[in-house]
PDB file of N, CA and C in Angstrom:
ATOM      1  N   MET A   1       0.812  -1.186   0.000  1.00  0.00           N
ATOM      2  CA  MET A   1       0.000   0.000   0.000  1.00  0.00           C
ATOM      3  C   MET A   1       0.863   1.259   0.000  1.00  0.00           C
ATOM      4  N   GLY A   2       1.705   1.467   1.034  1.00  0.00           N
ATOM      5  CA  GLY A   2       2.582   2.635   1.005  1.00  0.00           C
ATOM      6  C   GLY A   2       2.133   3.743   1.917  1.00  0.00           C
ATOM      7  N   TRP A   3       2.922   4.793   1.930  1.00  0.00           N
ATOM      8  CA  TRP A   3       2.689   5.926   2.805  1.00  0.00           C
ATOM      9  C   TRP A   3       1.649   6.846   2.219  1.00  0.00           C
ATOM     10  N   VAL A   4       0.705   7.302   3.039  1.00  0.00           N
ATOM     11  CA  VAL A   4      -0.333   8.230   2.603  1.00  0.00           C
ATOM     12  C   VAL A   4      -0.126   9.544   3.334  1.00  0.00           C
ATOM     13  N   ASN A   5      -0.044  10.621   2.577  1.00  0.00           N
ATOM     14  CA  ASN A   5       0.137  11.942   3.161  1.00  0.00           C
ATOM     15  C   ASN A   5      -1.229  12.570   3.363  1.00  0.00           C
ATOM     16  N   LEU A   6      -1.666  12.642   4.619  1.00  0.00           N
ATOM     17  CA  LEU A   6      -2.982  13.189   4.919  1.00  0.00           C
ATOM     18  C   LEU A   6      -3.013  14.711   4.885  1.00  0.00           C
ATOM     19  N   ASN A   7      -1.878  15.348   5.053  1.00  0.00           N
ATOM     20  CA  ASN A   7      -1.829  16.800   5.051  1.00  0.00           C
ATOM     21  C   ASN A   7      -0.690  17.266   4.149  1.00  0.00           C
ATOM     22  N   PRO A   8      -0.965  17.445   2.853  1.00  0.00           N
ATOM     23  CA  PRO A   8       0.103  17.778   1.904  1.00  0.00           C
ATOM     24  C   PRO A   8       0.771  19.127   2.162  1.00  0.00           C
ATOM     25  N   ARG A   9       0.153  20.015   2.942  1.00  0.00           N
ATOM     26  CA  ARG A   9       0.779  21.312   3.231  1.00  0.00           C
ATOM     27  C   ARG A   9       2.079  21.144   4.018  1.00  0.00           C
ATOM     28  N   PHE A  10       2.190  20.085   4.806  1.00  0.00           N
ATOM     29  CA  PHE A  10       3.324  19.928   5.692  1.00  0.00           C
ATOM     30  C   PHE A  10       4.265  18.803   5.274  1.00  0.00           C
ATOM     31  N   ARG A  11       4.198  18.384   4.059  1.00  0.00           N
ATOM     32  CA  ARG A  11       5.087  17.327   3.608  1.00  0.00           C
ATOM     33  C   ARG A  11       6.502  17.864   3.451  1.00  0.00           C
ATOM     34  N   VAL A  12       7.449  17.167   4.042  1.00  0.00           N
ATOM     35  CA  VAL A  12       8.860  17.546   3.963  1.00  0.00           C
ATOM     36  C   VAL A  12       9.636  16.323   3.500  1.00  0.00           C
ATOM     37  N   GLU A  13      10.339  16.461   2.378  1.00  0.00           N
ATOM     38  CA  GLU A  13      11.162  15.365   1.873  1.00  0.00           C
ATOM     39  C   GLU A  13      12.349  15.134   2.801  1.00  0.00           C
ATOM     40  N   LEU A  14      12.929  13.948   2.759  1.00  0.00           N
ATOM     41  CA  LEU A  14      14.007  13.567   3.659  1.00  0.00           C
ATOM     42  C   LEU A  14      15.216  14.504   3.556  1.00  0.00           C
ATOM     43  N   ASP A  15      15.671  14.790   2.331  1.00  0.00           N
ATOM     44  CA  ASP A  15      16.814  15.697   2.157  1.00  0.00           C
ATOM     45  C   ASP A  15      16.494  17.085   2.702  1.00  0.00           C
ATOM     46  N   ASP A  16      15.273  17.530   2.433  1.00  0.00           N
ATOM     47  CA  ASP A  16      14.835  18.833   2.918  1.00  0.00           C
ATOM     48  C   ASP A  16      14.738  18.820   4.444  1.00  0.00           C
ATOM     49  N   PHE A  17      14.296  17.706   5.003  1.00  0.00           N
ATOM     50  CA  PHE A  17      14.198  17.586   6.458  1.00  0.00           C
ATOM     51  C   PHE A  17      15.577  17.735   7.101  1.00  0.00           C
ATOM     52  N   GLN A  18      16.582  17.069   6.538  1.00  0.00           N
ATOM     53  CA  GLN A  18      17.945  17.164   7.077  1.00  0.00           C
ATOM     54  C   GLN A  18      18.420  18.612   7.079  1.00  0.00           C
ATOM     55  N   THR A  19      18.201  19.311   5.987  1.00  0.00           N
ATOM     56  CA  THR A  19      18.624  20.706   5.863  1.00  0.00           C
ATOM     57  C   THR A  19      17.881  21.584   6.854  1.00  0.00           C
ATOM     58  N   ARG A  20      16.573  21.411   6.922  1.00  0.00           N
ATOM     59  CA  ARG A  20      15.764  22.224   7.827  1.00  0.00           C
ATOM     60  C   ARG A  20      16.120  21.939   9.290  1.00  0.00           C
ATOM     61  N   PHE A  21      16.276  20.662   9.629  1.00  0.00           N
ATOM     62  CA  PHE A  21      16.608  20.311  11.011  1.00  0.00           C
ATOM     63  C   PHE A  21      17.959  20.898  11.393  1.00  0.00           C
ATOM     64  N   ALA A  22      18.922  20.815  10.488  1.00  0.00           N
ATOM     65  CA  ALA A  22      20.264  21.358  10.749  1.00  0.00           C
ATOM     66  C   ALA A  22      20.194  22.859  11.032  1.00  0.00           C
ATOM     67  N   LYS A  23      19.413  23.590  10.238  1.00  0.00           N
ATOM     68  CA  LYS A  23      19.277  25.038  10.433  1.00  0.00           C
ATOM     69  C   LYS A  23      18.612  25.363  11.770  1.00  0.00           C
ATOM     70  N   VAL A  24      17.575  24.610  12.108  1.00  0.00           N
ATOM     71  CA  VAL A  24      16.864  24.835  13.374  1.00  0.00           C
ATOM     72  C   VAL A  24      17.787  24.522  14.550  1.00  0.00           C
ATOM     73  N   LEU A  25      18.510  23.425  14.456  1.00  0.00           N
ATOM     74  CA  LEU A  25      19.439  23.033  15.515  1.00  0.00           C
ATOM     75  C   LEU A  25      20.508  24.104  15.722  1.00  0.00           C
ATOM     76  N   LEU A  26      21.137  24.536  14.659  1.00  0.00           N
ATOM     77  CA  LEU A  26      22.176  25.564  14.736  1.00  0.00           C
ATOM     78  C   LEU A  26      21.610  26.862  15.304  1.00  0.00           C
ATOM     79  N   ARG A  27      20.443  27.262  14.819  1.00  0.00           N
ATOM     80  CA  ARG A  27      19.811  28.499  15.282  1.00  0.00           C
ATOM     81  C   ARG A  27      19.562  28.465  16.792  1.00  0.00           C
ATOM     82  N   HIS A  28      18.986  27.371  17.281  1.00  0.00           N
ATOM     83  CA  HIS A  28      18.708  27.262  18.714  1.00  0.00           C
ATOM     84  C   HIS A  28      19.994  27.218  19.534  1.00  0.00           C
ATOM     85  N   ARG A  29      21.003  26.513  19.037  1.00  0.00           N
ATOM     86  CA  ARG A  29      22.270  26.429  19.767  1.00  0.00           C
ATOM     87  C   ARG A  29      22.894  27.811  19.900  1.00  0.00           C
ATOM     88  N   LEU A  30      22.857  28.592  18.814  1.00  0.00           N
ATOM     89  CA  LEU A  30      23.441  29.929  18.849  1.00  0.00           C
ATOM     90  C   LEU A  30      22.613  30.877  19.718  1.00  0.00           C
ATOM     91  N   LEU A  31      21.281  30.741  19.668  1.00  0.00           N
ATOM     92  CA  LEU A  31      20.432  31.570  20.530  1.00  0.00           C
ATOM     93  C   LEU A  31      20.729  31.309  22.004  1.00  0.00           C
ATOM     94  N   LEU A  32      21.032  30.069  22.328  1.00  0.00           N
ATOM     95  CA  LEU A  32      21.361  29.705  23.708  1.00  0.00           C
ATOM     96  C   LEU A  32      22.820  30.005  24.046  1.00  0.00           C
ATOM     97  N   ARG A  33      23.569  30.456  23.034  1.00  0.00           N
ATOM     98  CA  ARG A  33      24.999  30.776  23.180  1.00  0.00           C
ATOM     99  C   ARG A  33      25.794  29.582  23.712  1.00  0.00           C
ATOM    100  N   LEU A  34      25.526  28.431  23.098  1.00  0.00           N
ATOM    101  CA  LEU A  34      26.230  27.200  23.453  1.00  0.00           C
ATOM    102  C   LEU A  34      27.131  26.797  22.308  1.00  0.00           C
ATOM    103  N   ASN A  35      28.277  26.216  22.622  1.00  0.00           N
ATOM    104  CA  ASN A  35      29.061  25.609  21.552  1.00  0.00           C
ATOM    105  C   ASN A  35      28.567  24.167  21.388  1.00  0.00           C
ATOM    106  N   GLN A  36      29.067  23.476  20.391  1.00  0.00           N
ATOM    107  CA  GLN A  36      28.590  22.113  20.114  1.00  0.00           C
ATOM    108  C   GLN A  36      28.825  21.191  21.298  1.00  0.00           C
ATOM    109  N   GLU A  37      29.958  21.330  21.943  1.00  0.00           N
ATOM    110  CA  GLU A  37      30.283  20.462  23.071  1.00  0.00           C
ATOM    111  C   GLU A  37      29.312  20.680  24.234  1.00  0.00           C
ATOM    112  N   GLU A  38      28.981  21.949  24.514  1.00  0.00           N
ATOM    113  CA  GLU A  38      28.051  22.258  25.606  1.00  0.00           C
ATOM    114  C   GLU A  38      26.649  21.721  25.313  1.00  0.00           C
ATOM    115  N   LEU A  39      26.185  21.897  24.078  1.00  0.00           N
ATOM    116  CA  LEU A  39      24.868  21.365  23.722  1.00  0.00           C
ATOM    117  C   LEU A  39      24.873  19.844  23.790  1.00  0.00           C
ATOM    118  N   ALA A  40      25.921  19.235  23.286  1.00  0.00           N
ATOM    119  CA  ALA A  40      26.017  17.777  23.308  1.00  0.00           C
ATOM    120  C   ALA A  40      25.967  17.251  24.741  1.00  0.00           C
ATOM    121  N   GLU A  41      26.689  17.900  25.639  1.00  0.00           N
ATOM    122  CA  GLU A  41      26.694  17.475  27.040  1.00  0.00           C
ATOM    123  C   GLU A  41      25.307  17.617  27.653  1.00  0.00           C
ATOM    124  N   LYS A  42      24.666  18.736  27.359  1.00  0.00           N
ATOM    125  CA  LYS A  42      23.320  18.992  27.879  1.00  0.00           C
ATOM    126  C   LYS A  42      22.315  17.960  27.353  1.00  0.00           C
ATOM    127  N   ALA A  43      22.506  17.525  26.115  1.00  0.00           N
ATOM    128  CA  ALA A  43      21.585  16.580  25.474  1.00  0.00           C
ATOM    129  C   ALA A  43      21.966  15.118  25.721  1.00  0.00           C
ATOM    130  N   GLY A  44      23.156  14.882  26.255  1.00  0.00           N
ATOM    131  CA  GLY A  44      23.597  13.509  26.453  1.00  0.00           C
ATOM    132  C   GLY A  44      24.035  12.847  25.160  1.00  0.00           C
ATOM    133  N   LEU A  45      24.578  13.651  24.241  1.00  0.00           N
ATOM    134  CA  LEU A  45      25.078  13.158  22.960  1.00  0.00           C
ATOM    135  C   LEU A  45      26.575  13.458  22.874  1.00  0.00           C
ATOM    136  N   HIS A  46      27.230  12.871  21.900  1.00  0.00           N
ATOM    137  CA  HIS A  46      28.636  13.179  21.666  1.00  0.00           C
ATOM    138  C   HIS A  46      28.720  14.447  20.824  1.00  0.00           C
ATOM    139  N   ARG A  47      29.782  15.234  21.037  1.00  0.00           N
ATOM    140  CA  ARG A  47      29.942  16.484  20.288  1.00  0.00           C
ATOM    141  C   ARG A  47      29.946  16.254  18.777  1.00  0.00           C
ATOM    142  N   THR A  48      30.581  15.175  18.348  1.00  0.00           N
ATOM    143  CA  THR A  48      30.628  14.915  16.905  1.00  0.00           C
ATOM    144  C   THR A  48      29.240  14.612  16.346  1.00  0.00           C
ATOM    145  N   HIS A  49      28.350  14.063  17.172  1.00  0.00           N
ATOM    146  CA  HIS A  49      26.984  13.793  16.717  1.00  0.00           C
ATOM    147  C   HIS A  49      26.271  15.114  16.418  1.00  0.00           C
ATOM    148  N   VAL A  50      26.423  16.092  17.304  1.00  0.00           N
ATOM    149  CA  VAL A  50      25.827  17.413  17.070  1.00  0.00           C
ATOM    150  C   VAL A  50      26.413  18.021  15.802  1.00  0.00           C
ATOM    151  N   SER A  51      27.714  17.917  15.634  1.00  0.00           N
ATOM    152  CA  SER A  51      28.377  18.444  14.440  1.00  0.00           C
ATOM    153  C   SER A  51      27.850  17.785  13.169  1.00  0.00           C
ATOM    154  N   ILE A  52      27.718  16.476  13.199  1.00  0.00           N
ATOM    155  CA  ILE A  52      27.218  15.732  12.033  1.00  0.00           C
ATOM    156  C   ILE A  52      25.807  16.173  11.672  1.00  0.00           C
ATOM    157  N   LEU A  53      24.968  16.372  12.679  1.00  0.00           N
ATOM    158  CA  LEU A  53      23.584  16.806  12.414  1.00  0.00           C
ATOM    159  C   LEU A  53      23.558  18.227  11.867  1.00  0.00           C
ATOM    160  N   GLU A  54      24.372  19.115  12.414  1.00  0.00           N
ATOM    161  CA  GLU A  54      24.404  20.500  11.925  1.00  0.00           C
ATOM    162  C   GLU A  54      24.946  20.586  10.503  1.00  0.00           C
ATOM    163  N   ARG A  55      25.792  19.653  10.117  1.00  0.00           N
ATOM    164  CA  ARG A  55      26.361  19.648   8.760  1.00  0.00           C
ATOM    165  C   ARG A  55      25.554  18.805   7.780  1.00  0.00           C
ATOM    166  N   LYS A  56      24.393  18.327   8.201  1.00  0.00           N
ATOM    167  CA  LYS A  56      23.474  17.558   7.342  1.00  0.00           C
ATOM    168  C   LYS A  56      24.092  16.258   6.836  1.00  0.00           C
ATOM    169  N   ARG A  57      24.917  15.631   7.662  1.00  0.00           N
ATOM    170  CA  ARG A  57      25.569  14.383   7.264  1.00  0.00           C
ATOM    171  C   ARG A  57      24.767  13.151   7.660  1.00  0.00           C
ATOM    172  N   GLN A  58      23.740  13.354   8.511  1.00  0.00           N
ATOM    173  CA  GLN A  58      22.982  12.206   8.996  1.00  0.00           C
ATOM    174  C   GLN A  58      21.566  12.655   9.342  1.00  0.00           C
ATOM    175  N   VAL A  59      20.607  11.776   9.091  1.00  0.00           N
ATOM    176  CA  VAL A  59      19.234  12.022   9.519  1.00  0.00           C
ATOM    177  C   VAL A  59      19.186  11.719  11.022  1.00  0.00           C
ATOM    178  N   PRO A  60      18.671  12.649  11.820  1.00  0.00           N
ATOM    179  CA  PRO A  60      18.664  12.405  13.264  1.00  0.00           C
ATOM    180  C   PRO A  60      17.699  11.284  13.648  1.00  0.00           C
ATOM    181  N   SER A  61      18.098  10.484  14.616  1.00  0.00           N
ATOM    182  CA  SER A  61      17.207   9.449  15.137  1.00  0.00           C
ATOM    183  C   SER A  61      16.181  10.123  16.049  1.00  0.00           C
ATOM    184  N   MET A  62      15.095   9.439  16.338  1.00  0.00           N
ATOM    185  CA  MET A  62      14.099  10.002  17.244  1.00  0.00           C
ATOM    186  C   MET A  62      14.685  10.190  18.647  1.00  0.00           C
ATOM    187  N   VAL A  63      15.573   9.316  19.049  1.00  0.00           N
ATOM    188  CA  VAL A  63      16.217   9.463  20.358  1.00  0.00           C
ATOM    189  C   VAL A  63      17.012  10.770  20.388  1.00  0.00           C
ATOM    190  N   ALA A  64      17.792  11.027  19.342  1.00  0.00           N
ATOM    191  CA  ALA A  64      18.575  12.262  19.273  1.00  0.00           C
ATOM    192  C   ALA A  64      17.656  13.480  19.235  1.00  0.00           C
ATOM    193  N   VAL A  65      16.571  13.412  18.475  1.00  0.00           N
ATOM    194  CA  VAL A  65      15.629  14.533  18.386  1.00  0.00           C
ATOM    195  C   VAL A  65      15.013  14.811  19.753  1.00  0.00           C
ATOM    196  N   LEU A  66      14.612  13.766  20.475  1.00  0.00           N
ATOM    197  CA  LEU A  66      14.049  13.935  21.820  1.00  0.00           C
ATOM    198  C   LEU A  66      15.051  14.584  22.768  1.00  0.00           C
ATOM    199  N   LYS A  67      16.296  14.112  22.735  1.00  0.00           N
ATOM    200  CA  LYS A  67      17.333  14.654  23.607  1.00  0.00           C
ATOM    201  C   LYS A  67      17.635  16.109  23.273  1.00  0.00           C
ATOM    202  N   ILE A  68      17.688  16.426  21.985  1.00  0.00           N
ATOM    203  CA  ILE A  68      17.979  17.793  21.553  1.00  0.00           C
ATOM    204  C   ILE A  68      16.838  18.729  21.940  1.00  0.00           C
ATOM    205  N   ALA A  69      15.592  18.300  21.703  1.00  0.00           N
ATOM    206  CA  ALA A  69      14.434  19.125  22.071  1.00  0.00           C
ATOM    207  C   ALA A  69      14.468  19.453  23.561  1.00  0.00           C
ATOM    208  N   SER A  70      14.739  18.453  24.371  1.00  0.00           N
ATOM    209  CA  SER A  70      14.813  18.655  25.816  1.00  0.00           C
ATOM    210  C   SER A  70      15.949  19.615  26.182  1.00  0.00           C
ATOM    211  N   ALA A  71      17.094  19.446  25.543  1.00  0.00           N
ATOM    212  CA  ALA A  71      18.266  20.277  25.838  1.00  0.00           C
ATOM    213  C   ALA A  71      18.056  21.740  25.458  1.00  0.00           C
ATOM    214  N   ILE A  72      17.315  21.988  24.379  1.00  0.00           N
ATOM    215  CA  ILE A  72      17.101  23.377  23.945  1.00  0.00           C
ATOM    216  C   ILE A  72      15.811  23.964  24.531  1.00  0.00           C
ATOM    217  N   GLY A  73      15.086  23.146  25.294  1.00  0.00           N
ATOM    218  CA  GLY A  73      13.926  23.650  26.015  1.00  0.00           C
ATOM    219  C   GLY A  73      12.661  23.826  25.199  1.00  0.00           C
ATOM    220  N   VAL A  74      12.455  22.950  24.214  1.00  0.00           N
ATOM    221  CA  VAL A  74      11.220  22.994  23.418  1.00  0.00           C
ATOM    222  C   VAL A  74      10.594  21.604  23.392  1.00  0.00           C
ATOM    223  N   THR A  75       9.322  21.549  23.042  1.00  0.00           N
ATOM    224  CA  THR A  75       8.656  20.262  22.893  1.00  0.00           C
ATOM    225  C   THR A  75       8.932  19.726  21.496  1.00  0.00           C
ATOM    226  N   LEU A  76       8.665  18.456  21.303  1.00  0.00           N
ATOM    227  CA  LEU A  76       8.811  17.879  19.961  1.00  0.00           C
ATOM    228  C   LEU A  76       7.895  18.600  18.964  1.00  0.00           C
ATOM    229  N   THR A  77       6.688  18.906  19.414  1.00  0.00           N
ATOM    230  CA  THR A  77       5.734  19.607  18.541  1.00  0.00           C
ATOM    231  C   THR A  77       6.303  20.943  18.092  1.00  0.00           C
ATOM    232  N   GLU A  78       6.855  21.715  19.033  1.00  0.00           N
ATOM    233  CA  GLU A  78       7.436  23.014  18.686  1.00  0.00           C
ATOM    234  C   GLU A  78       8.626  22.852  17.747  1.00  0.00           C
ATOM    235  N   LEU A  79       9.467  21.867  18.031  1.00  0.00           N
ATOM    236  CA  LEU A  79      10.650  21.630  17.200  1.00  0.00           C
ATOM    237  C   LEU A  79      10.250  21.257  15.776  1.00  0.00           C
ATOM    238  N   PHE A  80       9.326  20.296  15.640  1.00  0.00           N
ATOM    239  CA  PHE A  80       8.903  19.875  14.297  1.00  0.00           C
ATOM    240  C   PHE A  80       8.107  20.966  13.585  1.00  0.00           C
ATOM    241  N   ARG A  81       7.358  21.756  14.323  1.00  0.00           N
ATOM    242  CA  ARG A  81       6.631  22.868  13.702  1.00  0.00           C
ATOM    243  C   ARG A  81       7.620  23.837  13.068  1.00  0.00           C
ATOM    244  N   GLU A  82       8.713  24.105  13.783  1.00  0.00           N
ATOM    245  CA  GLU A  82       9.731  25.008  13.250  1.00  0.00           C
ATOM    246  C   GLU A  82      10.445  24.383  12.047  1.00  0.00           C
ATOM    247  N   VAL A  83      10.721  23.084  12.104  1.00  0.00           N
ATOM    248  CA  VAL A  83      11.370  22.398  10.990  1.00  0.00           C
ATOM    249  C   VAL A  83      10.478  22.432   9.752  1.00  0.00           C
ATOM    250  N   GLU A  84       9.178  22.256   9.932  1.00  0.00           N
ATOM    251  CA  GLU A  84       8.239  22.233   8.806  1.00  0.00           C
ATOM    252  C   GLU A  84       7.868  23.617   8.285  1.00  0.00           C
ATOM    253  N   SER A  85       8.058  24.645   9.086  1.00  0.00           N
ATOM    254  CA  SER A  85       7.599  25.986   8.742  1.00  0.00           C
ATOM    255  C   SER A  85       8.419  26.601   7.609  1.00  0.00           C
ATOM    256  N   ASP A  86       7.722  27.344   6.768  1.00  0.00           N
ATOM    257  CA  ASP A  86       8.392  28.098   5.714  1.00  0.00           C
ATOM    258  C   ASP A  86       8.574  29.562   6.110  1.00  0.00           C
ATOM    259  N   GLN A  87       8.092  29.925   7.293  1.00  0.00           N
ATOM    260  CA  GLN A  87       8.213  31.301   7.761  1.00  0.00           C
ATOM    261  C   GLN A  87       9.583  31.536   8.382  1.00  0.00           C
ATOM    262  N   ARG A  88      10.043  32.772   8.260  1.00  0.00           N
ATOM    263  CA  ARG A  88      11.315  33.145   8.890  1.00  0.00           C
ATOM    264  C   ARG A  88      11.110  33.185  10.396  1.00  0.00           C
ATOM    265  N   PRO A  89      12.100  32.727  11.154  1.00  0.00           N
ATOM    266  CA  PRO A  89      11.978  32.784  12.620  1.00  0.00           C
ATOM    267  C   PRO A  89      11.949  34.227  13.109  1.00  0.00           C
ATOM    268  N   GLY A  90      11.291  34.440  14.237  1.00  0.00           N
ATOM    269  CA  GLY A  90      11.160  35.788  14.787  1.00  0.00           C
ATOM    270  C   GLY A  90      12.477  36.357  15.296  1.00  0.00           C
ATOM    271  N   GLU A  91      13.254  35.559  16.003  1.00  0.00           N
ATOM    272  CA  GLU A  91      14.504  36.030  16.593  1.00  0.00           C
ATOM    273  C   GLU A  91      15.684  35.352  15.911  1.00  0.00           C
ATOM    274  N   GLU A  92      16.620  36.173  15.454  1.00  0.00           N
ATOM    275  CA  GLU A  92      17.809  35.636  14.796  1.00  0.00           C
ATOM    276  C   GLU A  92      18.924  35.452  15.820  1.00  0.00           C
ATOM    277  N   PRO A  93      19.743  34.418  15.645  1.00  0.00           N
ATOM    278  CA  PRO A  93      20.863  34.206  16.570  1.00  0.00           C
ATOM    279  C   PRO A  93      21.974  35.212  16.329  1.00  0.00           C
ATOM    280  N   PRO A  94      22.875  35.371  17.313  1.00  0.00           N
ATOM    281  CA  PRO A  94      24.019  36.261  17.105  1.00  0.00           C
ATOM    282  C   PRO A  94      24.938  35.694  16.032  1.00  0.00           C
ATOM    283  N   ALA A  95      25.774  36.556  15.490  1.00  0.00           N
ATOM    284  CA  ALA A  95      26.716  36.123  14.449  1.00  0.00           C
ATOM    285  C   ALA A  95      27.699  35.107  15.021  1.00  0.00           C
ATOM    286  N   ILE A  96      28.130  34.190  14.171  1.00  0.00           N
ATOM    287  CA  ILE A  96      29.106  33.182  14.571  1.00  0.00           C
ATOM    288  C   ILE A  96      30.489  33.817  14.534  1.00  0.00           C
ATOM    289  N   PRO A  97      31.227  33.782  15.658  1.00  0.00           N
ATOM    290  CA  PRO A  97      32.582  34.344  15.634  1.00  0.00           C
ATOM    291  C   PRO A  97      33.488  33.531  14.720  1.00  0.00           C
ATOM    292  N   LYS A  98      34.396  34.213  14.042  1.00  0.00           N
ATOM    293  CA  LYS A  98      35.315  33.554  13.120  1.00  0.00           C
ATOM    294  C   LYS A  98      36.500  32.976  13.879  1.00  0.00           C
ATOM    295  N   GLY A  99      36.944  31.794  13.481  1.00  0.00           N
ATOM    296  CA  GLY A  99      38.120  31.177  14.071  1.00  0.00           C
ATOM    297  C   GLY A  99      37.858  30.581  15.437  1.00  0.00           C
ATOM    298  N   ARG A 100      38.901  29.998  15.991  1.00  0.00           N
ATOM    299  CA  ARG A 100      38.808  29.385  17.322  1.00  0.00           C
ATOM    300  C   ARG A 100      39.100  30.434  18.386  1.00  0.00           C
ATOM    301  N   PRO A 101      38.443  30.313  19.531  1.00  0.00           N
ATOM    302  CA  PRO A 101      38.748  31.252  20.614  1.00  0.00           C
ATOM    303  C   PRO A 101      40.148  31.012  21.155  1.00  0.00           C
ATOM    304  N   ARG A 102      40.790  32.064  21.604  1.00  0.00           N
ATOM    305  CA  ARG A 102      42.128  31.951  22.171  1.00  0.00           C
ATOM    306  C   ARG A 102      42.052  31.319  23.550  1.00  0.00           C
ATOM    307  N   LYS A 103      43.028  30.484  23.862  1.00  0.00           N
ATOM    308  CA  LYS A 103      43.067  29.825  25.158  1.00  0.00           C
ATOM    309  C   LYS A 103      43.618  30.753  26.230  1.00  0.00           C
ATOM    310  N   ASP A 104      44.633  31.562  25.888  1.00  0.00           N
ATOM    311  CA  ASP A 104      45.255  32.467  26.838  1.00  0.00           C
ATOM    312  C   ASP A 104      45.121  33.881  26.301  1.00  0.00           C
ATOM    313  N   LYS A 105      44.366  34.711  26.991  1.00  0.00           N
ATOM    314  CA  LYS A 105      44.133  36.072  26.493  1.00  0.00           C
ATOM    315  C   LYS A 105      45.378  36.945  26.572  1.00  0.00           C
ATOM    316  N   GLY A 106      46.351  36.581  27.420  1.00  0.00           N
ATOM    317  CA  GLY A 106      47.566  37.377  27.572  1.00  0.00           C
ATOM    318  C   GLY A 106      48.546  37.213  26.423  1.00  0.00           C
ATOM    319  N   THR A 107      48.532  36.080  25.755  1.00  0.00           N
ATOM    320  CA  THR A 107      49.476  35.805  24.678  1.00  0.00           C
ATOM    321  C   THR A 107      48.703  35.600  23.382  1.00  0.00           C
ATOM    322  N   PRO A 108      49.036  36.368  22.338  1.00  0.00           N
ATOM    323  CA  PRO A 108      48.354  36.146  21.059  1.00  0.00           C
ATOM    324  C   PRO A 108      48.539  34.713  20.574  1.00  0.00           C
ATOM    325  N   ALA A 109      47.514  34.167  19.943  1.00  0.00           N
ATOM    326  CA  ALA A 109      47.548  32.781  19.477  1.00  0.00           C
ATOM    327  C   ALA A 109      48.739  32.556  18.555  1.00  0.00           C
ATOM    328  N   GLY A 110      49.447  31.483  18.780  1.00  0.00           N
ATOM    329  CA  GLY A 110      50.556  31.109  17.910  1.00  0.00           C
ATOM    330  C   GLY A 110      51.884  31.744  18.274  1.00  0.00           C
ATOM    331  N   LEU A 111      51.896  32.651  19.266  1.00  0.00           N
ATOM    332  CA  LEU A 111      53.137  33.335  19.608  1.00  0.00           C
ATOM    333  C   LEU A 111      53.703  32.884  20.950  1.00  0.00           C
ATOM    334  N   GLU A 112      53.299  31.720  21.405  1.00  0.00           N
ATOM    335  CA  GLU A 112      53.819  31.209  22.659  1.00  0.00           C
ATOM    336  C   GLU A 112      55.323  31.017  22.539  1.00  0.00           C
ATOM    337  N   LYS A 113      56.022  31.195  23.649  1.00  0.00           N
ATOM    338  CA  LYS A 113      57.478  31.035  23.647  1.00  0.00           C
ATOM    339  C   LYS A 113      57.806  29.556  23.499  1.00  0.00           C
ATOM    340  N   VAL A 114      58.573  29.246  22.500  1.00  0.00           N
ATOM    341  CA  VAL A 114      58.951  27.862  22.232  1.00  0.00           C
ATOM    342  C   VAL A 114      60.428  27.703  22.552  1.00  0.00           C
ATOM    343  N   GLN A 115      60.730  26.748  23.409  1.00  0.00           N
ATOM    344  CA  GLN A 115      62.123  26.471  23.726  1.00  0.00           C
ATOM    345  C   GLN A 115      62.629  25.375  22.812  1.00  0.00           C
ATOM    346  N   THR A 116      63.813  25.602  22.294  1.00  0.00           N
ATOM    347  CA  THR A 116      64.389  24.599  21.402  1.00  0.00           C
ATOM    348  C   THR A 116      65.299  23.681  22.192  1.00  0.00           C
ATOM    349  N   LYS A 117      65.673  22.588  21.581  1.00  0.00           N
ATOM    350  CA  LYS A 117      66.568  21.628  22.217  1.00  0.00           C
ATOM    351  C   LYS A 117      67.899  22.292  22.525  1.00  0.00           C
ATOM    352  N   LYS A 118      68.349  23.165  21.663  1.00  0.00           N
ATOM    353  CA  LYS A 118      69.618  23.857  21.841  1.00  0.00           C
ATOM    354  C   LYS A 118      69.581  24.719  23.105  1.00  0.00           C
ATOM    355  N   ASN A 119      68.452  25.398  23.340  1.00  0.00           N
ATOM    356  CA  ASN A 119      68.321  26.255  24.523  1.00  0.00           C
ATOM    357  C   ASN A 119      68.295  25.441  25.814  1.00  0.00           C
ATOM    358  N   ASN A 120      67.814  24.227  25.778  1.00  0.00           N
ATOM    359  CA  ASN A 120      67.677  23.408  26.973  1.00  0.00           C
ATOM    360  C   ASN A 120      68.895  22.527  27.238  1.00  0.00           C
ATOM    361  N   ALA A 121      69.745  22.336  26.259  1.00  0.00           N
ATOM    362  CA  ALA A 121      70.816  21.358  26.375  1.00  0.00           C
ATOM    363  C   ALA A 121      72.016  21.868  27.166  1.00  0.00           C
ATOM    364  N   GLY A 122      72.108  23.146  27.401  1.00  0.00           N
ATOM    365  CA  GLY A 122      73.278  23.683  28.097  1.00  0.00           C
ATOM    366  C   GLY A 122      74.451  23.812  27.122  1.00  0.00           C
ATOM    367  N   PRO A 123      75.682  23.994  27.667  1.00  0.00           N
ATOM    368  CA  PRO A 123      76.832  24.159  26.768  1.00  0.00           C
ATOM    369  C   PRO A 123      77.106  22.882  25.983  1.00  0.00           C
ATOM    370  N   SER A 124      77.391  23.061  24.724  1.00  0.00           N
ATOM    371  CA  SER A 124      77.647  21.878  23.891  1.00  0.00           C
ATOM    372  C   SER A 124      79.105  21.451  24.073  1.00  0.00           C
ATOM    373  N   LYS A 125      79.311  20.157  24.021  1.00  0.00           N
ATOM    374  CA  LYS A 125      80.660  19.610  24.167  1.00  0.00           C
ATOM    375  C   LYS A 125      81.057  19.032  22.818  1.00  0.00           C
ATOM    376  N   ARG A 126      82.164  19.526  22.313  1.00  0.00           N
ATOM    377  CA  ARG A 126      82.652  19.048  21.036  1.00  0.00           C
ATOM    378  C   ARG A 126      83.868  18.179  21.256  1.00  0.00           C
ATOM    379  N   ARG A 127      83.936  17.146  20.501  1.00  0.00           N
ATOM    380  CA  ARG A 127      85.144  16.312  20.532  1.00  0.00           C
ATOM    381  C   ARG A 127      86.139  16.860  19.531  1.00  0.00           C
ATOM    382  N   SER A 128      87.322  16.900  19.947  1.00  0.00           N
ATOM    383  CA  SER A 128      88.325  17.340  18.992  1.00  0.00           C
ATOM    384  C   SER A 128      88.974  16.130  18.345  1.00  0.00           C
ATOM    385  N   GLY A 129      89.300  16.336  17.161  1.00  0.00           N
ATOM    386  CA  GLY A 129      90.000  15.444  16.501  1.00  0.00           C
ATOM    387  C   GLY A 129      90.009  14.299  15.817  1.00  0.00           C
TER     388      GLY A 129
END
């Protein structure tokens, strides 16, 4: 028999679903000002799983969708309504900062003092002859 679409207004193809879900996921994560690792921890998922979903590399499982909805503070109905919607969201997330954040604010990235073997070895001893 096959699948019957009772409400054609809300039909979303699988490829389109992946794209829409990825956009909704990224938007909510940025609105909450979380990085992928923080969202993953909150949802009980691995960071790479969040990354894969945001990059549209995998269709999310229902378990992942449930965990993500809970972590971002929405119901499944609200999450799927947003995924299915063709309307622009009311609130836009902040801009994504470029590059990786610096670990030490006192030292510019990449300019850490590097000691060479020569500096650590002390006076060199040469053999004569």
